[in-house]
Amino acid sequence: MRTLEEIERERPKSVDLPAPTAWPMVLAFGVTLLFAGLVTSFAVSAVGGVLMLAAAVGWFREVLPHEKEETVPVIPLAEFPASLRERVARIERAPGQHRARLPLETHPISAGVKGGLAGSVAMAVLAVLYGVVRQGSVWYPINLLAAGASAHLAALPLEGLRQFQWDGLLLASVIHLLTCLMVGLLYGVMLPMFPRRPILLGGVIAPLLWTGLLHATLQMVNPTLEAHIDWPWFVVTQIGFGIVAGIVVTRTAMVRTSQFDSFAVRAGIETPGLMDPKDPGEPR
């Protein structure tokens, strides 16, 4: 490797560069005035034509018959960049294993199912409590949930929603169970990505975001259902579900995710830092 002094001795002390000139800018200004006169007056175009002619003559005289140049001194390098590493740094990894997926550990699917079922019970208790306290009927929140997927129930008056309805009970049970299982599985996947405060995410942030999204879209999807929902109580039931489901999921034992080598290593492609170094005498 050559030293900085050897490189500096071989470099020229100065270079010849084209001399700076303002004629190209004058030419551009003349063209602008020439076309601006088409929508203003002939005098503007005349001035632009004169400037164009003068700039063209001046620019040609800068390069013909000999190009004007100026000598610029070459500033010496302050330092020569050089690497102190003689070999490629390699990642320490276990034989045959490389961390390619995150998280390293996650909750099993059964944890999400258990969390969803536990959260569904807590949510159902809070919803029934709302029906008894605010509407004087256990069946009101059940029929209201089913009304989101049933035109018959959505058309019932307030007193009809407070009465027992077989189709409302069956439909609400299916909707409630499937929704809670789906959200429980989602919690099982997401909570390992937020190890610091999983209950805060699952019990407060996620319910608030979900409630805001539902409140913004339900007016367009089902205005009748939106008019009957008590949103403060709805938020309370969502938070109750999130806290209970989050606690159940976080208390389950985690399993390691499948880790494997990267595609470049498995395909046999040279990957500095990941592949083992070759012997100097080994053919490529």
C-alpha atoms as a PDB file:
ATOM      1  CA  MET A   1       0.000   0.000   0.000  1.00  0.00           C
ATOM      2  CA  ARG A   2       1.398   3.386  -0.996  1.00  0.00           C
ATOM      3  CA  THR A   3       1.934   6.003   1.650  1.00  0.00           C
ATOM      4  CA  LEU A   4       0.394   9.467   1.706  1.00  0.00           C
ATOM      5  CA  GLU A   5       3.726  11.077   0.854  1.00  0.00           C
ATOM      6  CA  GLU A   6       4.149   8.948  -2.292  1.00  0.00           C
ATOM      7  CA  ILE A   7       0.663   9.863  -3.504  1.00  0.00           C
ATOM      8  CA  GLU A   8       1.227  13.567  -2.849  1.00  0.00           C
ATOM      9  CA  ARG A   9       4.502  13.541  -4.830  1.00  0.00           C
ATOM     10  CA  GLU A  10       2.771  12.047  -7.894  1.00  0.00           C
ATOM     11  CA  ARG A  11      -0.132  14.476  -7.869  1.00  0.00           C
ATOM     12  CA  PRO A  12       0.102  17.650 -10.037  1.00  0.00           C
ATOM     13  CA  LYS A  13       0.498  20.946  -8.232  1.00  0.00           C
ATOM     14  CA  SER A  14      -2.139  22.693 -10.355  1.00  0.00           C
ATOM     15  CA  VAL A  15      -4.775  22.015 -13.044  1.00  0.00           C
ATOM     16  CA  ASP A  16      -6.119  24.123 -15.911  1.00  0.00           C
ATOM     17  CA  LEU A  17      -9.899  24.617 -15.855  1.00  0.00           C
ATOM     18  CA  PRO A  18     -12.241  26.545 -18.198  1.00  0.00           C
ATOM     19  CA  ALA A  19     -12.430  30.180 -17.153  1.00  0.00           C
ATOM     20  CA  PRO A  20     -15.753  31.247 -15.622  1.00  0.00           C
ATOM     21  CA  THR A  21     -18.044  33.304 -17.877  1.00  0.00           C
ATOM     22  CA  ALA A  22     -21.441  34.993 -17.522  1.00  0.00           C
ATOM     23  CA  TRP A  23     -22.397  34.843 -21.218  1.00  0.00           C
ATOM     24  CA  PRO A  24     -24.529  31.665 -20.936  1.00  0.00           C
ATOM     25  CA  MET A  25     -26.683  33.364 -18.303  1.00  0.00           C
ATOM     26  CA  VAL A  26     -27.020  36.474 -20.530  1.00  0.00           C
ATOM     27  CA  LEU A  27     -28.034  34.270 -23.455  1.00  0.00           C
ATOM     28  CA  ALA A  28     -30.718  32.553 -21.363  1.00  0.00           C
ATOM     29  CA  PHE A  29     -32.043  35.927 -20.204  1.00  0.00           C
ATOM     30  CA  GLY A  30     -32.200  37.154 -23.811  1.00  0.00           C
ATOM     31  CA  VAL A  31     -34.185  34.069 -24.894  1.00  0.00           C
ATOM     32  CA  THR A  32     -36.608  34.664 -22.029  1.00  0.00           C
ATOM     33  CA  LEU A  33     -37.177  38.297 -23.065  1.00  0.00           C
ATOM     34  CA  LEU A  34     -37.557  37.302 -26.716  1.00  0.00           C
ATOM     35  CA  PHE A  35     -40.483  34.969 -25.949  1.00  0.00           C
ATOM     36  CA  ALA A  36     -41.918  37.231 -23.233  1.00  0.00           C
ATOM     37  CA  GLY A  37     -42.351  39.924 -25.895  1.00  0.00           C
ATOM     38  CA  LEU A  38     -44.843  37.694 -27.720  1.00  0.00           C
ATOM     39  CA  VAL A  39     -47.394  38.351 -24.970  1.00  0.00           C
ATOM     40  CA  THR A  40     -46.258  41.849 -23.932  1.00  0.00           C
ATOM     41  CA  SER A  41     -44.749  44.173 -26.567  1.00  0.00           C
ATOM     42  CA  PHE A  42     -42.334  44.201 -29.475  1.00  0.00           C
ATOM     43  CA  ALA A  43     -39.816  46.293 -27.527  1.00  0.00           C
ATOM     44  CA  VAL A  44     -39.265  43.448 -25.024  1.00  0.00           C
ATOM     45  CA  SER A  45     -38.556  41.020 -27.850  1.00  0.00           C
ATOM     46  CA  ALA A  46     -36.173  43.511 -29.450  1.00  0.00           C
ATOM     47  CA  VAL A  47     -34.170  43.837 -26.230  1.00  0.00           C
ATOM     48  CA  GLY A  48     -34.092  40.072 -25.920  1.00  0.00           C
ATOM     49  CA  GLY A  49     -32.801  39.710 -29.486  1.00  0.00           C
ATOM     50  CA  VAL A  50     -29.996  42.211 -28.856  1.00  0.00           C
ATOM     51  CA  LEU A  51     -28.982  40.377 -25.680  1.00  0.00           C
ATOM     52  CA  MET A  52     -29.036  37.035 -27.483  1.00  0.00           C
ATOM     53  CA  LEU A  53     -26.775  38.348 -30.259  1.00  0.00           C
ATOM     54  CA  ALA A  54     -24.339  39.964 -27.813  1.00  0.00           C
ATOM     55  CA  ALA A  55     -24.207  36.827 -25.641  1.00  0.00           C
ATOM     56  CA  ALA A  56     -23.606  34.570 -28.630  1.00  0.00           C
ATOM     57  CA  VAL A  57     -20.706  36.722 -29.838  1.00  0.00           C
ATOM     58  CA  GLY A  58     -19.222  37.011 -26.358  1.00  0.00           C
ATOM     59  CA  TRP A  59     -19.544  33.275 -25.673  1.00  0.00           C
ATOM     60  CA  PHE A  60     -17.878  32.332 -28.982  1.00  0.00           C
ATOM     61  CA  ARG A  61     -14.988  34.675 -28.227  1.00  0.00           C
ATOM     62  CA  GLU A  62     -14.479  32.842 -24.919  1.00  0.00           C
ATOM     63  CA  VAL A  63     -13.780  29.525 -26.715  1.00  0.00           C
ATOM     64  CA  LEU A  64     -12.607  30.523 -30.204  1.00  0.00           C
ATOM     65  CA  PRO A  65      -9.953  30.525 -31.527  1.00  0.00           C
ATOM     66  CA  HIS A  66      -8.508  29.412 -28.150  1.00  0.00           C
ATOM     67  CA  GLU A  67     -10.404  28.418 -25.050  1.00  0.00           C
ATOM     68  CA  LYS A  68      -9.799  30.679 -22.088  1.00  0.00           C
ATOM     69  CA  GLU A  69      -8.544  28.824 -19.041  1.00  0.00           C
ATOM     70  CA  GLU A  70      -7.415  29.550 -15.532  1.00  0.00           C
ATOM     71  CA  THR A  71      -4.905  27.694 -13.376  1.00  0.00           C
ATOM     72  CA  VAL A  72      -6.244  26.333 -10.082  1.00  0.00           C
ATOM     73  CA  PRO A  73      -3.816  25.029  -7.434  1.00  0.00           C
ATOM     74  CA  VAL A  74      -4.404  21.535  -6.073  1.00  0.00           C
ATOM     75  CA  ILE A  75      -4.936  21.463  -2.309  1.00  0.00           C
ATOM     76  CA  PRO A  76      -3.018  18.620  -0.607  1.00  0.00           C
ATOM     77  CA  LEU A  77      -4.998  15.921   1.138  1.00  0.00           C
ATOM     78  CA  ALA A  78      -5.361  16.396   4.863  1.00  0.00           C
ATOM     79  CA  GLU A  79      -5.241  12.661   5.421  1.00  0.00           C
ATOM     80  CA  PHE A  80      -5.358   9.487   3.398  1.00  0.00           C
ATOM     81  CA  PRO A  81      -8.294   7.197   4.279  1.00  0.00           C
ATOM     82  CA  ALA A  82      -7.074   3.743   5.130  1.00  0.00           C
ATOM     83  CA  SER A  83      -8.743   0.808   6.873  1.00  0.00           C
ATOM     84  CA  LEU A  84      -7.120  -0.643   9.960  1.00  0.00           C
ATOM     85  CA  ARG A  85      -8.892  -3.980   9.417  1.00  0.00           C
ATOM     86  CA  GLU A  86      -6.884  -6.561   7.526  1.00  0.00           C
ATOM     87  CA  ARG A  87      -9.658  -9.177   7.476  1.00  0.00           C
ATOM     88  CA  VAL A  88     -13.439  -9.179   7.063  1.00  0.00           C
ATOM     89  CA  ALA A  89     -15.306  -9.006  10.377  1.00  0.00           C
ATOM     90  CA  ARG A  90     -17.625 -11.987  10.722  1.00  0.00           C
ATOM     91  CA  ILE A  91     -20.807 -12.466  12.713  1.00  0.00           C
ATOM     92  CA  GLU A  92     -20.544 -14.929  15.577  1.00  0.00           C
ATOM     93  CA  ARG A  93     -23.255 -17.551  15.186  1.00  0.00           C
ATOM     94  CA  ALA A  94     -23.938 -21.109  16.184  1.00  0.00           C
ATOM     95  CA  PRO A  95     -23.062 -23.762  13.577  1.00  0.00           C
ATOM     96  CA  GLY A  96     -25.898 -24.120  11.109  1.00  0.00           C
ATOM     97  CA  GLN A  97     -28.011 -21.400  12.737  1.00  0.00           C
ATOM     98  CA  HIS A  98     -28.489 -17.735  12.011  1.00  0.00           C
ATOM     99  CA  ARG A  99     -31.095 -15.384  13.455  1.00  0.00           C
ATOM    100  CA  ALA A 100     -33.207 -14.514  10.431  1.00  0.00           C
ATOM    101  CA  ARG A 101     -36.605 -13.877  12.020  1.00  0.00           C
ATOM    102  CA  LEU A 102     -37.834 -11.710  14.851  1.00  0.00           C
ATOM    103  CA  PRO A 103     -39.063 -12.209  17.514  1.00  0.00           C
ATOM    104  CA  LEU A 104     -36.908 -15.091  18.704  1.00  0.00           C
ATOM    105  CA  GLU A 105     -39.733 -16.337  20.932  1.00  0.00           C
ATOM    106  CA  THR A 106     -43.477 -16.027  20.590  1.00  0.00           C
ATOM    107  CA  HIS A 107     -46.628 -17.272  22.255  1.00  0.00           C
ATOM    108  CA  PRO A 108     -48.234 -20.447  20.894  1.00  0.00           C
ATOM    109  CA  ILE A 109     -51.532 -20.325  19.060  1.00  0.00           C
ATOM    110  CA  SER A 110     -53.254 -21.846  22.084  1.00  0.00           C
ATOM    111  CA  ALA A 111     -52.308 -18.760  24.126  1.00  0.00           C
ATOM    112  CA  GLY A 112     -54.186 -16.502  21.712  1.00  0.00           C
ATOM    113  CA  VAL A 113     -57.215 -18.822  21.820  1.00  0.00           C
ATOM    114  CA  LYS A 114     -57.227 -18.865  25.622  1.00  0.00           C
ATOM    115  CA  GLY A 115     -56.775 -15.086  25.770  1.00  0.00           C
ATOM    116  CA  GLY A 116     -59.603 -14.530  23.308  1.00  0.00           C
ATOM    117  CA  LEU A 117     -61.979 -16.802  25.241  1.00  0.00           C
ATOM    118  CA  ALA A 118     -61.106 -15.186  28.578  1.00  0.00           C
ATOM    119  CA  GLY A 119     -61.470 -11.720  27.104  1.00  0.00           C
ATOM    120  CA  SER A 120     -64.817 -12.644  25.565  1.00  0.00           C
ATOM    121  CA  VAL A 121     -66.167 -13.583  29.000  1.00  0.00           C
ATOM    122  CA  ALA A 122     -64.986 -10.291  30.522  1.00  0.00           C
ATOM    123  CA  MET A 123     -66.409  -8.320  27.609  1.00  0.00           C
ATOM    124  CA  ALA A 124     -69.755 -10.156  27.810  1.00  0.00           C
ATOM    125  CA  VAL A 125     -70.038  -9.479  31.556  1.00  0.00           C
ATOM    126  CA  LEU A 126     -69.419  -5.756  31.070  1.00  0.00           C
ATOM    127  CA  ALA A 127     -71.877  -5.592  28.153  1.00  0.00           C
ATOM    128  CA  VAL A 128     -74.614  -7.346  30.132  1.00  0.00           C
ATOM    129  CA  LEU A 129     -73.922  -5.039  33.083  1.00  0.00           C
ATOM    130  CA  TYR A 130     -74.444  -2.080  30.760  1.00  0.00           C
ATOM    131  CA  GLY A 131     -77.740  -3.551  29.553  1.00  0.00           C
ATOM    132  CA  VAL A 132     -79.020  -3.985  33.085  1.00  0.00           C
ATOM    133  CA  VAL A 133     -77.866  -0.576  34.377  1.00  0.00           C
ATOM    134  CA  ARG A 134     -78.645   1.663  31.393  1.00  0.00           C
ATOM    135  CA  GLN A 135     -81.401  -0.152  29.504  1.00  0.00           C
ATOM    136  CA  GLY A 136     -83.010  -2.372  32.152  1.00  0.00           C
ATOM    137  CA  SER A 137     -82.598  -5.498  29.984  1.00  0.00           C
ATOM    138  CA  VAL A 138     -79.996  -8.254  29.684  1.00  0.00           C
ATOM    139  CA  TRP A 139     -80.951  -8.845  26.048  1.00  0.00           C
ATOM    140  CA  TYR A 140     -80.405  -5.299  24.776  1.00  0.00           C
ATOM    141  CA  PRO A 141     -76.605  -5.524  24.178  1.00  0.00           C
ATOM    142  CA  ILE A 142     -76.994  -9.018  22.720  1.00  0.00           C
ATOM    143  CA  ASN A 143     -79.663  -7.961  20.216  1.00  0.00           C
ATOM    144  CA  LEU A 144     -77.746  -4.784  19.434  1.00  0.00           C
ATOM    145  CA  LEU A 145     -74.627  -6.779  18.503  1.00  0.00           C
ATOM    146  CA  ALA A 146     -76.661  -9.103  16.297  1.00  0.00           C
ATOM    147  CA  ALA A 147     -78.397  -6.137  14.651  1.00  0.00           C
ATOM    148  CA  GLY A 148     -75.131  -5.283  12.933  1.00  0.00           C
ATOM    149  CA  ALA A 149     -75.557  -8.371  10.717  1.00  0.00           C
ATOM    150  CA  SER A 150     -79.351  -8.728  10.668  1.00  0.00           C
ATOM    151  CA  ALA A 151     -81.717  -6.369   8.883  1.00  0.00           C
ATOM    152  CA  HIS A 152     -84.653  -7.784  10.874  1.00  0.00           C
ATOM    153  CA  LEU A 153     -83.089  -6.945  14.228  1.00  0.00           C
ATOM    154  CA  ALA A 154     -81.809  -3.583  13.009  1.00  0.00           C
ATOM    155  CA  ALA A 155     -85.395  -2.589  12.153  1.00  0.00           C
ATOM    156  CA  LEU A 156     -86.731  -3.395  15.640  1.00  0.00           C
ATOM    157  CA  PRO A 157     -87.712  -0.482  17.871  1.00  0.00           C
ATOM    158  CA  LEU A 158     -86.031   0.129  21.203  1.00  0.00           C
ATOM    159  CA  GLU A 159     -88.514  -2.014  23.087  1.00  0.00           C
ATOM    160  CA  GLY A 160     -87.978  -4.856  20.633  1.00  0.00           C
ATOM    161  CA  LEU A 161     -84.241  -4.809  21.289  1.00  0.00           C
ATOM    162  CA  ARG A 162     -84.929  -5.171  24.997  1.00  0.00           C
ATOM    163  CA  GLN A 163     -86.905  -8.398  24.462  1.00  0.00           C
ATOM    164  CA  PHE A 164     -85.491 -11.892  24.094  1.00  0.00           C
ATOM    165  CA  GLN A 165     -84.838 -12.865  20.463  1.00  0.00           C
ATOM    166  CA  TRP A 166     -83.717 -16.378  19.509  1.00  0.00           C
ATOM    167  CA  ASP A 167     -82.045 -15.278  16.281  1.00  0.00           C
ATOM    168  CA  GLY A 168     -80.371 -12.392  18.105  1.00  0.00           C
ATOM    169  CA  LEU A 169     -78.896 -14.709  20.759  1.00  0.00           C
ATOM    170  CA  LEU A 170     -77.515 -17.208  18.214  1.00  0.00           C
ATOM    171  CA  LEU A 171     -76.155 -14.566  15.829  1.00  0.00           C
ATOM    172  CA  ALA A 172     -74.612 -12.463  18.601  1.00  0.00           C
ATOM    173  CA  SER A 173     -72.929 -15.540  20.128  1.00  0.00           C
ATOM    174  CA  VAL A 174     -71.311 -16.473  16.815  1.00  0.00           C
ATOM    175  CA  ILE A 175     -70.156 -12.900  16.086  1.00  0.00           C
ATOM    176  CA  HIS A 176     -68.837 -12.374  19.611  1.00  0.00           C
ATOM    177  CA  LEU A 177     -66.973 -15.687  19.764  1.00  0.00           C
ATOM    178  CA  LEU A 178     -65.353 -15.442  16.328  1.00  0.00           C
ATOM    179  CA  THR A 179     -64.329 -11.810  16.826  1.00  0.00           C
ATOM    180  CA  CYS A 180     -62.791 -12.469  20.230  1.00  0.00           C
ATOM    181  CA  LEU A 181     -60.868 -15.504  18.966  1.00  0.00           C
ATOM    182  CA  MET A 182     -59.501 -13.518  16.036  1.00  0.00           C
ATOM    183  CA  VAL A 183     -58.404 -10.605  18.237  1.00  0.00           C
ATOM    184  CA  GLY A 184     -56.947 -13.036  20.789  1.00  0.00           C
ATOM    185  CA  LEU A 185     -54.773 -14.633  18.107  1.00  0.00           C
ATOM    186  CA  LEU A 186     -53.705 -11.163  17.010  1.00  0.00           C
ATOM    187  CA  TYR A 187     -52.707 -10.327  20.583  1.00  0.00           C
ATOM    188  CA  GLY A 188     -50.677 -13.522  20.796  1.00  0.00           C
ATOM    189  CA  VAL A 189     -48.688 -12.484  17.710  1.00  0.00           C
ATOM    190  CA  MET A 190     -48.231  -8.797  18.551  1.00  0.00           C
ATOM    191  CA  LEU A 191     -47.542  -8.763  22.293  1.00  0.00           C
ATOM    192  CA  PRO A 192     -44.047 -10.363  22.029  1.00  0.00           C
ATOM    193  CA  MET A 193     -43.044  -7.419  19.828  1.00  0.00           C
ATOM    194  CA  PHE A 194     -43.788  -5.018  22.689  1.00  0.00           C
ATOM    195  CA  PRO A 195     -42.068  -6.650  25.696  1.00  0.00           C
ATOM    196  CA  ARG A 196     -41.909  -3.550  27.867  1.00  0.00           C
ATOM    197  CA  ARG A 197     -45.608  -2.764  28.380  1.00  0.00           C
ATOM    198  CA  PRO A 198     -47.752  -5.426  26.665  1.00  0.00           C
ATOM    199  CA  ILE A 199     -50.817  -4.785  28.846  1.00  0.00           C
ATOM    200  CA  LEU A 200     -50.710  -1.070  28.010  1.00  0.00           C
ATOM    201  CA  LEU A 201     -50.758  -1.919  24.293  1.00  0.00           C
ATOM    202  CA  GLY A 202     -53.382  -4.651  24.474  1.00  0.00           C
ATOM    203  CA  GLY A 203     -55.553  -3.152  27.167  1.00  0.00           C
ATOM    204  CA  VAL A 204     -55.605   0.567  26.377  1.00  0.00           C
ATOM    205  CA  ILE A 205     -53.967   1.604  23.099  1.00  0.00           C
ATOM    206  CA  ALA A 206     -55.403  -1.110  20.833  1.00  0.00           C
ATOM    207  CA  PRO A 207     -59.017  -0.756  22.159  1.00  0.00           C
ATOM    208  CA  LEU A 208     -58.893   3.024  21.747  1.00  0.00           C
ATOM    209  CA  LEU A 209     -57.611   2.726  18.164  1.00  0.00           C
ATOM    210  CA  TRP A 210     -60.200   0.072  17.320  1.00  0.00           C
ATOM    211  CA  THR A 211     -63.027   2.144  18.844  1.00  0.00           C
ATOM    212  CA  GLY A 212     -61.953   5.249  16.933  1.00  0.00           C
ATOM    213  CA  LEU A 213     -61.861   3.333  13.643  1.00  0.00           C
ATOM    214  CA  LEU A 214     -65.274   1.772  14.278  1.00  0.00           C
ATOM    215  CA  HIS A 215     -66.802   5.090  15.323  1.00  0.00           C
ATOM    216  CA  ALA A 216     -65.552   6.738  12.112  1.00  0.00           C
ATOM    217  CA  THR A 217     -66.877   4.047   9.762  1.00  0.00           C
ATOM    218  CA  LEU A 218     -70.061   2.768  11.428  1.00  0.00           C
ATOM    219  CA  GLN A 219     -71.990   5.937  10.555  1.00  0.00           C
ATOM    220  CA  MET A 220     -71.603   5.070   6.882  1.00  0.00           C
ATOM    221  CA  VAL A 221     -71.981   1.289   7.215  1.00  0.00           C
ATOM    222  CA  ASN A 222     -74.921   1.041   9.631  1.00  0.00           C
ATOM    223  CA  PRO A 223     -76.307   4.382  10.866  1.00  0.00           C
ATOM    224  CA  THR A 224     -79.103   2.692  12.845  1.00  0.00           C
ATOM    225  CA  LEU A 225     -76.659   0.604  14.859  1.00  0.00           C
ATOM    226  CA  GLU A 226     -74.356   3.589  15.402  1.00  0.00           C
ATOM    227  CA  ALA A 227     -77.222   5.605  16.889  1.00  0.00           C
ATOM    228  CA  HIS A 228     -77.911   2.945  19.568  1.00  0.00           C
ATOM    229  CA  ILE A 229     -74.302   2.394  20.723  1.00  0.00           C
ATOM    230  CA  ASP A 230     -73.237   3.994  23.992  1.00  0.00           C
ATOM    231  CA  TRP A 231     -69.624   4.749  23.056  1.00  0.00           C
ATOM    232  CA  PRO A 232     -68.213   5.319  26.572  1.00  0.00           C
ATOM    233  CA  TRP A 233     -69.534   1.914  27.656  1.00  0.00           C
ATOM    234  CA  PHE A 234     -68.252   0.418  24.403  1.00  0.00           C
ATOM    235  CA  VAL A 235     -64.750   1.661  25.220  1.00  0.00           C
ATOM    236  CA  VAL A 236     -65.009   0.168  28.710  1.00  0.00           C
ATOM    237  CA  THR A 237     -65.930  -3.265  27.326  1.00  0.00           C
ATOM    238  CA  GLN A 238     -63.073  -3.126  24.797  1.00  0.00           C
ATOM    239  CA  ILE A 239     -60.557  -2.194  27.488  1.00  0.00           C
ATOM    240  CA  GLY A 240     -61.849  -4.989  29.724  1.00  0.00           C
ATOM    241  CA  PHE A 241     -61.370  -7.488  26.895  1.00  0.00           C
ATOM    242  CA  GLY A 242     -57.884  -6.180  26.113  1.00  0.00           C
ATOM    243  CA  ILE A 243     -56.635  -6.301  29.706  1.00  0.00           C
ATOM    244  CA  VAL A 244     -57.943  -9.814  30.403  1.00  0.00           C
ATOM    245  CA  ALA A 245     -56.749 -11.215  27.066  1.00  0.00           C
ATOM    246  CA  GLY A 246     -53.362  -9.543  27.455  1.00  0.00           C
ATOM    247  CA  ILE A 247     -52.855 -10.951  30.969  1.00  0.00           C
ATOM    248  CA  VAL A 248     -53.761 -14.489  29.865  1.00  0.00           C
ATOM    249  CA  VAL A 249     -51.484 -14.328  26.806  1.00  0.00           C
ATOM    250  CA  THR A 250     -48.470 -12.877  28.626  1.00  0.00           C
ATOM    251  CA  ARG A 251     -48.656 -15.514  31.386  1.00  0.00           C
ATOM    252  CA  THR A 252     -48.330 -18.433  28.974  1.00  0.00           C
ATOM    253  CA  ALA A 253     -44.949 -20.010  28.266  1.00  0.00           C
ATOM    254  CA  MET A 254     -43.293 -18.788  25.061  1.00  0.00           C
ATOM    255  CA  VAL A 255     -41.878 -21.062  22.351  1.00  0.00           C
ATOM    256  CA  ARG A 256     -38.874 -20.385  20.146  1.00  0.00           C
ATOM    257  CA  THR A 257     -39.548 -19.418  16.558  1.00  0.00           C
ATOM    258  CA  SER A 258     -37.974 -21.264  13.659  1.00  0.00           C
ATOM    259  CA  GLN A 259     -34.577 -19.758  12.866  1.00  0.00           C
ATOM    260  CA  PHE A 260     -32.696 -20.587   9.689  1.00  0.00           C
ATOM    261  CA  ASP A 261     -29.795 -19.462   7.541  1.00  0.00           C
ATOM    262  CA  SER A 262     -30.300 -16.606   5.124  1.00  0.00           C
ATOM    263  CA  PHE A 263     -31.084 -17.323   1.482  1.00  0.00           C
ATOM    264  CA  ALA A 264     -27.606 -16.235   0.377  1.00  0.00           C
ATOM    265  CA  VAL A 265     -25.958 -18.787   2.665  1.00  0.00           C
ATOM    266  CA  ARG A 266     -28.342 -21.594   1.698  1.00  0.00           C
ATOM    267  CA  ALA A 267     -27.819 -20.823  -2.001  1.00  0.00           C
ATOM    268  CA  GLY A 268     -24.040 -20.959  -1.615  1.00  0.00           C
ATOM    269  CA  ILE A 269     -23.495 -17.310  -2.524  1.00  0.00           C
ATOM    270  CA  GLU A 270     -20.384 -15.637  -1.137  1.00  0.00           C
ATOM    271  CA  THR A 271     -21.635 -13.502   1.762  1.00  0.00           C
ATOM    272  CA  PRO A 272     -18.830 -11.718   3.671  1.00  0.00           C
ATOM    273  CA  GLY A 273     -19.502 -11.683   7.375  1.00  0.00           C
ATOM    274  CA  LEU A 274     -21.782 -14.738   7.312  1.00  0.00           C
ATOM    275  CA  MET A 275     -19.946 -17.511   5.473  1.00  0.00           C
ATOM    276  CA  ASP A 276     -16.903 -19.199   6.957  1.00  0.00           C
ATOM    277  CA  PRO A 277     -13.565 -17.931   5.579  1.00  0.00           C
ATOM    278  CA  LYS A 278     -11.946 -20.088   2.907  1.00  0.00           C
ATOM    279  CA  ASP A 279      -8.421 -21.452   3.100  1.00  0.00           C
ATOM    280  CA  PRO A 280      -5.875 -19.457   1.071  1.00  0.00           C
ATOM    281  CA  GLY A 281      -5.115 -22.471  -1.083  1.00  0.00           C
ATOM    282  CA  GLU A 282      -8.740 -23.459  -1.659  1.00  0.00           C
ATOM    283  CA  PRO A 283      -9.847 -22.918  -5.286  1.00  0.00           C
ATOM    284  CA  ARG A 284     -12.700 -20.507  -5.922  1.00  0.00           C
END
